[in-house]
Amino acid sequence: MSEPQGSDGGTQRLPVIEKPRADAGGADQPVPPAKDDGGDRGRRFWSARRVPAAVVAVLVLGVVGLFLYDIAAVRADQPGMRWRRELADQLARRQLDDIWVLVGAGVAAALGLWLLVLAATPGVRAVLPMRRTHPDVRAGLHRDAAATVLRDRAVEVAGVQSVRVRMRRRKADVRAVSHFRELDDVHTDLDTVLADAMEELGLARPPALSVRVRRPGRKG
């Protein structure tokens, strides 16, 4: 097959368009979504706890400041603060089984236990962790939003007059009122619809469903 000739009688080579290879790995090729490797088992989100941290910081700073001031005053040959001298005198005279000593010890122990609980627990109970589709992204769904989705799906079932949903971390309580149809049929449809809705929420640990259906109460 002869090559096409140009206007000057010479030959021209036509450009060749090559098809990209499948293993080229170009930027235009769609990247498959990352799969969940099962490394995250739906761990809860940790709370920043800014208010408790600020309260503790202010209290510690105030106590340390008072003691530093008292130490500086004593070093400067000045009398110590009156409250510290009275406190030392009371502690020296009172027995360990005194009621005020026990009350103070109980308050200190309760405060320490509260701080330990705050340090060892996540605290964000209103956010439900979702399944991870990307290793670098964690998502959560608020319990009120999840309850709204379940309620909207439940009212679409034929025969349902009203629905009340209470979403917890481990259980979703659904209370429906049906004004027609058989209660068993409505209950079966609600179980199916709500199970599908719960799956669509994409939660890492979907709460168990508890569905109850009743007739509306009598007026008057």
C-alpha atoms as a PDB file:
ATOM      1  CA  MET A   1       0.000   0.000   0.000  1.00  0.00           C
ATOM      2  CA  SER A   2       1.602   3.280  -1.107  1.00  0.00           C
ATOM      3  CA  GLU A   3       1.935   6.240   1.206  1.00  0.00           C
ATOM      4  CA  PRO A   4       0.047   9.453   0.318  1.00  0.00           C
ATOM      5  CA  GLN A   5       2.000  12.067  -1.591  1.00  0.00           C
ATOM      6  CA  GLY A   6       2.281  15.700  -0.629  1.00  0.00           C
ATOM      7  CA  SER A   7       1.978  18.755  -2.855  1.00  0.00           C
ATOM      8  CA  ASP A   8       5.742  18.736  -3.579  1.00  0.00           C
ATOM      9  CA  GLY A   9       5.667  15.207  -4.862  1.00  0.00           C
ATOM     10  CA  GLY A  10       7.256  13.791  -1.718  1.00  0.00           C
ATOM     11  CA  THR A  11       5.758  11.365   0.681  1.00  0.00           C
ATOM     12  CA  GLN A  12       4.207  12.174   4.066  1.00  0.00           C
ATOM     13  CA  ARG A  13       3.919   9.841   7.009  1.00  0.00           C
ATOM     14  CA  LEU A  14       0.493   9.905   8.583  1.00  0.00           C
ATOM     15  CA  PRO A  15       0.305  10.160  12.378  1.00  0.00           C
ATOM     16  CA  VAL A  16      -0.386   6.911  14.115  1.00  0.00           C
ATOM     17  CA  ILE A  17      -2.869   6.910  17.013  1.00  0.00           C
ATOM     18  CA  GLU A  18      -2.113   4.160  19.469  1.00  0.00           C
ATOM     19  CA  LYS A  19      -4.746   2.809  21.821  1.00  0.00           C
ATOM     20  CA  PRO A  20      -3.754   3.039  25.499  1.00  0.00           C
ATOM     21  CA  ARG A  21      -2.868  -0.234  27.053  1.00  0.00           C
ATOM     22  CA  ALA A  22      -4.987  -1.614  29.834  1.00  0.00           C
ATOM     23  CA  ASP A  23      -1.977  -1.848  32.162  1.00  0.00           C
ATOM     24  CA  ALA A  24      -0.776   1.702  31.521  1.00  0.00           C
ATOM     25  CA  GLY A  25      -2.393   2.927  34.703  1.00  0.00           C
ATOM     26  CA  GLY A  26      -3.328   6.333  33.324  1.00  0.00           C
ATOM     27  CA  ALA A  27      -4.831   9.060  35.420  1.00  0.00           C
ATOM     28  CA  ASP A  28      -8.090   8.953  33.445  1.00  0.00           C
ATOM     29  CA  GLN A  29      -8.851   5.410  34.470  1.00  0.00           C
ATOM     30  CA  PRO A  30     -11.384   5.084  37.293  1.00  0.00           C
ATOM     31  CA  VAL A  31      -9.915   4.106  40.622  1.00  0.00           C
ATOM     32  CA  PRO A  32     -11.798   1.286  42.327  1.00  0.00           C
ATOM     33  CA  PRO A  33     -13.162   2.208  45.753  1.00  0.00           C
ATOM     34  CA  ALA A  34     -11.188   1.028  48.717  1.00  0.00           C
ATOM     35  CA  LYS A  35     -12.639  -1.893  50.536  1.00  0.00           C
ATOM     36  CA  ASP A  36     -13.073  -2.100  54.242  1.00  0.00           C
ATOM     37  CA  ASP A  37     -10.296  -4.307  55.518  1.00  0.00           C
ATOM     38  CA  GLY A  38     -12.084  -4.973  58.774  1.00  0.00           C
ATOM     39  CA  GLY A  39      -9.445  -3.182  60.815  1.00  0.00           C
ATOM     40  CA  ASP A  40     -11.976  -0.788  62.337  1.00  0.00           C
ATOM     41  CA  ARG A  41     -14.712  -2.462  64.354  1.00  0.00           C
ATOM     42  CA  GLY A  42     -16.862   0.632  64.739  1.00  0.00           C
ATOM     43  CA  ARG A  43     -14.931   2.351  67.505  1.00  0.00           C
ATOM     44  CA  ARG A  44     -16.707   5.325  68.981  1.00  0.00           C
ATOM     45  CA  PHE A  45     -15.513   8.880  68.565  1.00  0.00           C
ATOM     46  CA  TRP A  46     -13.612  10.426  71.470  1.00  0.00           C
ATOM     47  CA  SER A  47     -14.883  13.650  72.961  1.00  0.00           C
ATOM     48  CA  ALA A  48     -12.619  16.666  73.327  1.00  0.00           C
ATOM     49  CA  ARG A  49     -14.231  17.418  76.740  1.00  0.00           C
ATOM     50  CA  ARG A  50     -13.247  21.055  76.663  1.00  0.00           C
ATOM     51  CA  VAL A  51     -15.496  22.106  79.561  1.00  0.00           C
ATOM     52  CA  PRO A  52     -14.232  19.502  82.115  1.00  0.00           C
ATOM     53  CA  ALA A  53     -10.650  20.133  81.023  1.00  0.00           C
ATOM     54  CA  ALA A  54     -11.086  23.891  81.419  1.00  0.00           C
ATOM     55  CA  VAL A  55     -12.670  23.495  84.881  1.00  0.00           C
ATOM     56  CA  VAL A  56      -9.890  21.214  86.089  1.00  0.00           C
ATOM     57  CA  ALA A  57      -7.216  23.518  84.661  1.00  0.00           C
ATOM     58  CA  VAL A  58      -8.707  26.571  86.374  1.00  0.00           C
ATOM     59  CA  LEU A  59      -8.996  24.767  89.731  1.00  0.00           C
ATOM     60  CA  VAL A  60      -5.453  23.405  89.580  1.00  0.00           C
ATOM     61  CA  LEU A  61      -4.084  26.785  88.523  1.00  0.00           C
ATOM     62  CA  GLY A  62      -5.898  28.526  91.391  1.00  0.00           C
ATOM     63  CA  VAL A  63      -4.715  26.063  94.054  1.00  0.00           C
ATOM     64  CA  VAL A  64      -1.138  26.090  92.788  1.00  0.00           C
ATOM     65  CA  GLY A  65      -1.149  29.887  92.667  1.00  0.00           C
ATOM     66  CA  LEU A  66      -2.334  30.146  96.271  1.00  0.00           C
ATOM     67  CA  PHE A  67       0.293  27.728  97.534  1.00  0.00           C
ATOM     68  CA  LEU A  68       3.065  29.475  95.581  1.00  0.00           C
ATOM     69  CA  TYR A  69       1.994  32.816  97.028  1.00  0.00           C
ATOM     70  CA  ASP A  70       1.984  31.369 100.548  1.00  0.00           C
ATOM     71  CA  ILE A  71       5.434  29.827 100.096  1.00  0.00           C
ATOM     72  CA  ALA A  72       6.815  33.097  98.768  1.00  0.00           C
ATOM     73  CA  ALA A  73       5.327  34.988 101.722  1.00  0.00           C
ATOM     74  CA  VAL A  74       6.873  32.593 104.260  1.00  0.00           C
ATOM     75  CA  ARG A  75      10.249  32.796 102.510  1.00  0.00           C
ATOM     76  CA  ALA A  76      10.040  36.571 102.758  1.00  0.00           C
ATOM     77  CA  ASP A  77       9.558  36.345 106.566  1.00  0.00           C
ATOM     78  CA  GLN A  78       5.881  37.197 106.254  1.00  0.00           C
ATOM     79  CA  PRO A  79       3.126  35.289 108.055  1.00  0.00           C
ATOM     80  CA  GLY A  80       1.445  32.615 105.988  1.00  0.00           C
ATOM     81  CA  MET A  81      -2.138  32.901 104.868  1.00  0.00           C
ATOM     82  CA  ARG A  82      -4.644  32.505 107.652  1.00  0.00           C
ATOM     83  CA  TRP A  83      -6.705  29.829 105.911  1.00  0.00           C
ATOM     84  CA  ARG A  84      -3.654  27.565 105.503  1.00  0.00           C
ATOM     85  CA  ARG A  85      -2.691  27.887 109.155  1.00  0.00           C
ATOM     86  CA  GLU A  86      -6.247  27.134 110.278  1.00  0.00           C
ATOM     87  CA  LEU A  87      -6.450  24.184 107.890  1.00  0.00           C
ATOM     88  CA  ALA A  88      -3.169  22.765 109.199  1.00  0.00           C
ATOM     89  CA  ASP A  89      -4.376  23.246 112.778  1.00  0.00           C
ATOM     90  CA  GLN A  90      -7.710  21.511 112.057  1.00  0.00           C
ATOM     91  CA  LEU A  91      -5.997  18.561 110.367  1.00  0.00           C
ATOM     92  CA  ALA A  92      -3.649  18.210 113.317  1.00  0.00           C
ATOM     93  CA  ARG A  93      -6.483  18.132 115.884  1.00  0.00           C
ATOM     94  CA  ARG A  94      -9.158  16.096 114.085  1.00  0.00           C
ATOM     95  CA  GLN A  95      -9.134  12.295 114.042  1.00  0.00           C
ATOM     96  CA  LEU A  96      -9.343  10.242 110.872  1.00  0.00           C
ATOM     97  CA  ASP A  97     -12.872   9.084 111.706  1.00  0.00           C
ATOM     98  CA  ASP A  98     -14.150  12.655 112.010  1.00  0.00           C
ATOM     99  CA  ILE A  99     -17.218  13.348 109.877  1.00  0.00           C
ATOM    100  CA  TRP A 100     -15.679  16.315 108.050  1.00  0.00           C
ATOM    101  CA  VAL A 101     -12.506  14.370 107.288  1.00  0.00           C
ATOM    102  CA  LEU A 102     -14.582  11.542 105.837  1.00  0.00           C
ATOM    103  CA  VAL A 103     -16.690  13.975 103.798  1.00  0.00           C
ATOM    104  CA  GLY A 104     -13.602  15.656 102.381  1.00  0.00           C
ATOM    105  CA  ALA A 105     -12.015  12.335 101.544  1.00  0.00           C
ATOM    106  CA  GLY A 106     -15.241  11.178  99.857  1.00  0.00           C
ATOM    107  CA  VAL A 107     -15.458  14.336  97.746  1.00  0.00           C
ATOM    108  CA  ALA A 108     -11.813  14.011  96.681  1.00  0.00           C
ATOM    109  CA  ALA A 109     -12.283  10.316  95.826  1.00  0.00           C
ATOM    110  CA  ALA A 110     -15.450  11.031  93.817  1.00  0.00           C
ATOM    111  CA  LEU A 111     -13.704  13.816  91.895  1.00  0.00           C
ATOM    112  CA  GLY A 112     -10.737  11.566  91.123  1.00  0.00           C
ATOM    113  CA  LEU A 113     -13.012   8.742  90.002  1.00  0.00           C
ATOM    114  CA  TRP A 114     -14.929  11.144  87.749  1.00  0.00           C
ATOM    115  CA  LEU A 115     -11.690  12.306  86.120  1.00  0.00           C
ATOM    116  CA  LEU A 116     -10.573   8.700  85.578  1.00  0.00           C
ATOM    117  CA  VAL A 117     -13.903   7.827  83.946  1.00  0.00           C
ATOM    118  CA  LEU A 118     -13.645  10.841  81.645  1.00  0.00           C
ATOM    119  CA  ALA A 119     -10.099   9.855  80.681  1.00  0.00           C
ATOM    120  CA  ALA A 120     -10.925   6.197  79.972  1.00  0.00           C
ATOM    121  CA  THR A 121     -14.236   6.495  78.081  1.00  0.00           C
ATOM    122  CA  PRO A 122     -14.986   7.969  74.631  1.00  0.00           C
ATOM    123  CA  GLY A 123     -17.913  10.084  75.758  1.00  0.00           C
ATOM    124  CA  VAL A 124     -19.520  10.877  72.381  1.00  0.00           C
ATOM    125  CA  ARG A 125     -22.635   8.744  72.718  1.00  0.00           C
ATOM    126  CA  ALA A 126     -24.825  10.682  70.284  1.00  0.00           C
ATOM    127  CA  VAL A 127     -22.692   9.834  67.220  1.00  0.00           C
ATOM    128  CA  LEU A 128     -22.927   6.341  65.717  1.00  0.00           C
ATOM    129  CA  PRO A 129     -19.777   5.253  63.827  1.00  0.00           C
ATOM    130  CA  MET A 130     -20.284   4.311  60.184  1.00  0.00           C
ATOM    131  CA  ARG A 131     -18.556   1.690  58.074  1.00  0.00           C
ATOM    132  CA  ARG A 132     -15.216   2.810  56.672  1.00  0.00           C
ATOM    133  CA  THR A 133     -14.909   2.788  52.886  1.00  0.00           C
ATOM    134  CA  HIS A 134     -11.581   4.637  52.913  1.00  0.00           C
ATOM    135  CA  PRO A 135      -8.728   3.941  55.328  1.00  0.00           C
ATOM    136  CA  ASP A 136      -8.108   7.640  56.016  1.00  0.00           C
ATOM    137  CA  VAL A 137     -11.711   8.747  56.526  1.00  0.00           C
ATOM    138  CA  ARG A 138     -13.970   8.103  59.521  1.00  0.00           C
ATOM    139  CA  ALA A 139     -17.623   9.076  59.394  1.00  0.00           C
ATOM    140  CA  GLY A 140     -20.345   9.171  61.991  1.00  0.00           C
ATOM    141  CA  LEU A 141     -24.104   9.629  62.001  1.00  0.00           C
ATOM    142  CA  HIS A 142     -25.966  11.452  64.742  1.00  0.00           C
ATOM    143  CA  ARG A 143     -28.583   9.341  66.480  1.00  0.00           C
ATOM    144  CA  ASP A 144     -31.295  11.955  65.910  1.00  0.00           C
ATOM    145  CA  ALA A 145     -30.590  11.913  62.167  1.00  0.00           C
ATOM    146  CA  ALA A 146     -30.740   8.113  62.096  1.00  0.00           C
ATOM    147  CA  ALA A 147     -34.031   8.175  64.018  1.00  0.00           C
ATOM    148  CA  THR A 148     -35.446  10.690  61.528  1.00  0.00           C
ATOM    149  CA  VAL A 149     -34.548   8.429  58.597  1.00  0.00           C
ATOM    150  CA  LEU A 150     -36.200   5.420  60.225  1.00  0.00           C
ATOM    151  CA  ARG A 151     -39.302   7.439  61.084  1.00  0.00           C
ATOM    152  CA  ASP A 152     -39.620   8.771  57.521  1.00  0.00           C
ATOM    153  CA  ARG A 153     -39.329   5.269  56.109  1.00  0.00           C
ATOM    154  CA  ALA A 154     -41.810   3.849  58.610  1.00  0.00           C
ATOM    155  CA  VAL A 155     -44.581   6.361  57.859  1.00  0.00           C
ATOM    156  CA  GLU A 156     -44.483   5.254  54.212  1.00  0.00           C
ATOM    157  CA  VAL A 157     -45.837   1.843  55.181  1.00  0.00           C
ATOM    158  CA  ALA A 158     -49.542   1.471  54.457  1.00  0.00           C
ATOM    159  CA  GLY A 159     -51.657   1.593  57.573  1.00  0.00           C
ATOM    160  CA  VAL A 160     -49.158   3.499  59.734  1.00  0.00           C
ATOM    161  CA  GLN A 161     -50.663   6.623  61.285  1.00  0.00           C
ATOM    162  CA  SER A 162     -47.752   7.832  63.425  1.00  0.00           C
ATOM    163  CA  VAL A 163     -44.307   6.602  64.453  1.00  0.00           C
ATOM    164  CA  ARG A 164     -42.019   7.346  67.378  1.00  0.00           C
ATOM    165  CA  VAL A 165     -38.387   6.240  67.121  1.00  0.00           C
ATOM    166  CA  ARG A 166     -35.867   6.254  69.944  1.00  0.00           C
ATOM    167  CA  MET A 167     -32.368   5.492  68.715  1.00  0.00           C
ATOM    168  CA  ARG A 168     -29.747   4.179  71.095  1.00  0.00           C
ATOM    169  CA  ARG A 169     -26.266   2.842  70.550  1.00  0.00           C
ATOM    170  CA  ARG A 170     -27.315  -0.810  70.684  1.00  0.00           C
ATOM    171  CA  LYS A 171     -31.069  -0.706  70.154  1.00  0.00           C
ATOM    172  CA  ALA A 172     -33.613   1.215  68.085  1.00  0.00           C
ATOM    173  CA  ASP A 173     -37.094   1.314  69.636  1.00  0.00           C
ATOM    174  CA  VAL A 174     -39.844   1.916  67.084  1.00  0.00           C
ATOM    175  CA  ARG A 175     -43.414   2.524  68.297  1.00  0.00           C
ATOM    176  CA  ALA A 176     -46.001   2.755  65.533  1.00  0.00           C
ATOM    177  CA  VAL A 177     -49.729   3.432  65.558  1.00  0.00           C
ATOM    178  CA  SER A 178     -51.826   1.763  62.840  1.00  0.00           C
ATOM    179  CA  HIS A 179     -55.376   2.903  62.118  1.00  0.00           C
ATOM    180  CA  PHE A 180     -56.191   0.230  59.522  1.00  0.00           C
ATOM    181  CA  ARG A 181     -54.897  -3.115  58.215  1.00  0.00           C
ATOM    182  CA  GLU A 182     -54.054  -6.044  60.411  1.00  0.00           C
ATOM    183  CA  LEU A 183     -51.419  -5.339  63.027  1.00  0.00           C
ATOM    184  CA  ASP A 184     -49.419  -8.423  62.073  1.00  0.00           C
ATOM    185  CA  ASP A 185     -49.255  -7.320  58.443  1.00  0.00           C
ATOM    186  CA  VAL A 186     -48.164  -3.823  59.415  1.00  0.00           C
ATOM    187  CA  HIS A 187     -45.575  -5.245  61.780  1.00  0.00           C
ATOM    188  CA  THR A 188     -44.156  -7.502  59.048  1.00  0.00           C
ATOM    189  CA  ASP A 189     -43.908  -4.619  56.577  1.00  0.00           C
ATOM    190  CA  LEU A 190     -42.249  -2.414  59.171  1.00  0.00           C
ATOM    191  CA  ASP A 191     -39.676  -5.091  59.955  1.00  0.00           C
ATOM    192  CA  THR A 192     -38.765  -5.379  56.280  1.00  0.00           C
ATOM    193  CA  VAL A 193     -38.690  -1.654  55.543  1.00  0.00           C
ATOM    194  CA  LEU A 194     -36.775  -0.701  58.670  1.00  0.00           C
ATOM    195  CA  ALA A 195     -34.232  -3.492  58.201  1.00  0.00           C
ATOM    196  CA  ASP A 196     -33.500  -2.171  54.696  1.00  0.00           C
ATOM    197  CA  ALA A 197     -33.319   1.401  55.997  1.00  0.00           C
ATOM    198  CA  MET A 198     -30.922   0.374  58.761  1.00  0.00           C
ATOM    199  CA  GLU A 199     -28.678  -1.316  56.214  1.00  0.00           C
ATOM    200  CA  GLU A 200     -28.702   1.789  54.018  1.00  0.00           C
ATOM    201  CA  LEU A 201     -27.517   3.938  56.927  1.00  0.00           C
ATOM    202  CA  GLY A 202     -24.112   2.256  56.644  1.00  0.00           C
ATOM    203  CA  LEU A 203     -23.500   1.921  60.363  1.00  0.00           C
ATOM    204  CA  ALA A 204     -20.545  -0.112  61.547  1.00  0.00           C
ATOM    205  CA  ARG A 205     -22.632  -1.678  64.311  1.00  0.00           C
ATOM    206  CA  PRO A 206     -26.310  -1.399  63.384  1.00  0.00           C
ATOM    207  CA  PRO A 207     -28.520  -1.273  66.494  1.00  0.00           C
ATOM    208  CA  ALA A 208     -31.032  -4.055  66.995  1.00  0.00           C
ATOM    209  CA  LEU A 209     -34.573  -3.188  65.935  1.00  0.00           C
ATOM    210  CA  SER A 210     -37.485  -3.394  68.343  1.00  0.00           C
ATOM    211  CA  VAL A 211     -40.810  -2.734  66.585  1.00  0.00           C
ATOM    212  CA  ARG A 212     -44.203  -2.487  68.274  1.00  0.00           C
ATOM    213  CA  VAL A 213     -47.505  -1.686  66.594  1.00  0.00           C
ATOM    214  CA  ARG A 214     -50.749  -0.755  68.332  1.00  0.00           C
ATOM    215  CA  ARG A 215     -54.114   0.743  67.606  1.00  0.00           C
ATOM    216  CA  PRO A 216     -54.800   4.414  68.355  1.00  0.00           C
ATOM    217  CA  GLY A 217     -56.327   5.080  71.736  1.00  0.00           C
ATOM    218  CA  ARG A 218     -59.939   6.014  72.170  1.00  0.00           C
ATOM    219  CA  LYS A 219     -60.731   9.699  72.135  1.00  0.00           C
ATOM    220  CA  GLY A 220     -62.428  11.148  75.149  1.00  0.00           C
END
